[in-house]
Amino acid sequence: MHHLGTRADRRKRGVGRTLMAAAEQHAAHRGLDVLRLSTGSFNADAQAFFASLGYEPYSIRFIRRP
């Protein structure tokens, strides 16, 4: 999965959870034992959503623009 998004006025209806559950089932079917995802450091809503699904932070990336 490359992007997951829900319009602000459609959130809190289970769409994201349903999509993530399908992705996790697909990964399990393929025998994957680790799932990784990323989001912007500014995206507190996405971070809270993924944490609510049991995902934990594991890496910090830095960027510098010239």
C-alpha atoms as a PDB file:
ATOM      1  CA  MET A   1       0.000   0.000   0.000  1.00  0.00           C
ATOM      2  CA  HIS A   2       1.482   3.327  -0.944  1.00  0.00           C
ATOM      3  CA  HIS A   3      -1.095   5.804   0.357  1.00  0.00           C
ATOM      4  CA  LEU A   4      -4.030   5.587   2.717  1.00  0.00           C
ATOM      5  CA  GLY A   5      -6.272   8.557   3.246  1.00  0.00           C
ATOM      6  CA  THR A   6      -9.794   9.409   4.229  1.00  0.00           C
ATOM      7  CA  ARG A   7     -11.547  12.710   3.678  1.00  0.00           C
ATOM      8  CA  ALA A   8     -11.820  14.636   6.933  1.00  0.00           C
ATOM      9  CA  ASP A   9     -15.621  14.591   6.817  1.00  0.00           C
ATOM     10  CA  ARG A  10     -15.628  10.792   6.373  1.00  0.00           C
ATOM     11  CA  ARG A  11     -13.292   9.857   9.224  1.00  0.00           C
ATOM     12  CA  LYS A  12     -14.257   7.871  12.303  1.00  0.00           C
ATOM     13  CA  ARG A  13     -16.464   5.519  10.257  1.00  0.00           C
ATOM     14  CA  GLY A  14     -14.159   2.488  10.091  1.00  0.00           C
ATOM     15  CA  VAL A  15     -12.973   2.892   6.511  1.00  0.00           C
ATOM     16  CA  GLY A  16      -9.284   3.168   7.425  1.00  0.00           C
ATOM     17  CA  ARG A  17      -9.514   0.266   9.858  1.00  0.00           C
ATOM     18  CA  THR A  18     -11.187  -1.878   7.212  1.00  0.00           C
ATOM     19  CA  LEU A  19      -8.501  -1.052   4.645  1.00  0.00           C
ATOM     20  CA  MET A  20      -5.702  -1.713   7.113  1.00  0.00           C
ATOM     21  CA  ALA A  21      -7.265  -5.027   8.177  1.00  0.00           C
ATOM     22  CA  ALA A  22      -7.413  -6.104   4.529  1.00  0.00           C
ATOM     23  CA  ALA A  23      -3.766  -5.126   4.010  1.00  0.00           C
ATOM     24  CA  GLU A  24      -2.736  -7.008   7.156  1.00  0.00           C
ATOM     25  CA  GLN A  25      -4.669 -10.112   6.057  1.00  0.00           C
ATOM     26  CA  HIS A  26      -3.005  -9.945   2.653  1.00  0.00           C
ATOM     27  CA  ALA A  27       0.413  -9.670   4.292  1.00  0.00           C
ATOM     28  CA  ALA A  28      -0.328 -12.626   6.594  1.00  0.00           C
ATOM     29  CA  HIS A  29      -1.488 -14.693   3.611  1.00  0.00           C
ATOM     30  CA  ARG A  30       1.862 -13.969   1.949  1.00  0.00           C
ATOM     31  CA  GLY A  31       3.739 -15.037   5.089  1.00  0.00           C
ATOM     32  CA  LEU A  32       5.060 -11.604   6.016  1.00  0.00           C
ATOM     33  CA  ASP A  33       5.925 -11.226   9.676  1.00  0.00           C
ATOM     34  CA  VAL A  34       6.713  -7.494   9.804  1.00  0.00           C
ATOM     35  CA  LEU A  35       4.666  -4.588   8.503  1.00  0.00           C
ATOM     36  CA  ARG A  36       6.194  -1.136   8.217  1.00  0.00           C
ATOM     37  CA  LEU A  37       4.560   2.124   7.339  1.00  0.00           C
ATOM     38  CA  SER A  38       5.472   5.773   7.359  1.00  0.00           C
ATOM     39  CA  THR A  39       3.773   9.099   7.797  1.00  0.00           C
ATOM     40  CA  GLY A  40       4.887  12.673   8.059  1.00  0.00           C
ATOM     41  CA  SER A  41       6.099  13.933  11.411  1.00  0.00           C
ATOM     42  CA  PHE A  42       3.448  16.667  11.095  1.00  0.00           C
ATOM     43  CA  ASN A  43       0.587  14.172  10.702  1.00  0.00           C
ATOM     44  CA  ALA A  44      -0.498  13.644  14.294  1.00  0.00           C
ATOM     45  CA  ASP A  45      -3.874  12.230  13.220  1.00  0.00           C
ATOM     46  CA  ALA A  46      -2.243   9.468  11.162  1.00  0.00           C
ATOM     47  CA  GLN A  47       0.213   8.703  13.956  1.00  0.00           C
ATOM     48  CA  ALA A  48      -2.629   8.345  16.447  1.00  0.00           C
ATOM     49  CA  PHE A  49      -4.581   6.174  13.996  1.00  0.00           C
ATOM     50  CA  PHE A  50      -1.685   3.781  13.403  1.00  0.00           C
ATOM     51  CA  ALA A  51      -0.902   3.649  17.127  1.00  0.00           C
ATOM     52  CA  SER A  52      -4.541   2.726  17.782  1.00  0.00           C
ATOM     53  CA  LEU A  53      -4.002  -0.272  15.486  1.00  0.00           C
ATOM     54  CA  GLY A  54      -0.993  -1.399  17.512  1.00  0.00           C
ATOM     55  CA  TYR A  55       1.799   0.051  15.368  1.00  0.00           C
ATOM     56  CA  GLU A  56       4.788   1.481  17.223  1.00  0.00           C
ATOM     57  CA  PRO A  57       7.365   4.066  16.147  1.00  0.00           C
ATOM     58  CA  TYR A  58      10.653   2.409  15.135  1.00  0.00           C
ATOM     59  CA  SER A  59      12.656   4.966  13.183  1.00  0.00           C
ATOM     60  CA  ILE A  60      13.251   8.674  12.905  1.00  0.00           C
ATOM     61  CA  ARG A  61      14.254  10.201   9.582  1.00  0.00           C
ATOM     62  CA  PHE A  62      15.835  13.574   9.071  1.00  0.00           C
ATOM     63  CA  ILE A  63      15.783  15.877   6.081  1.00  0.00           C
ATOM     64  CA  ARG A  64      17.637  19.065   5.286  1.00  0.00           C
ATOM     65  CA  ARG A  65      16.778  21.312   2.424  1.00  0.00           C
ATOM     66  CA  PRO A  66      19.628  23.381   0.931  1.00  0.00           C
END
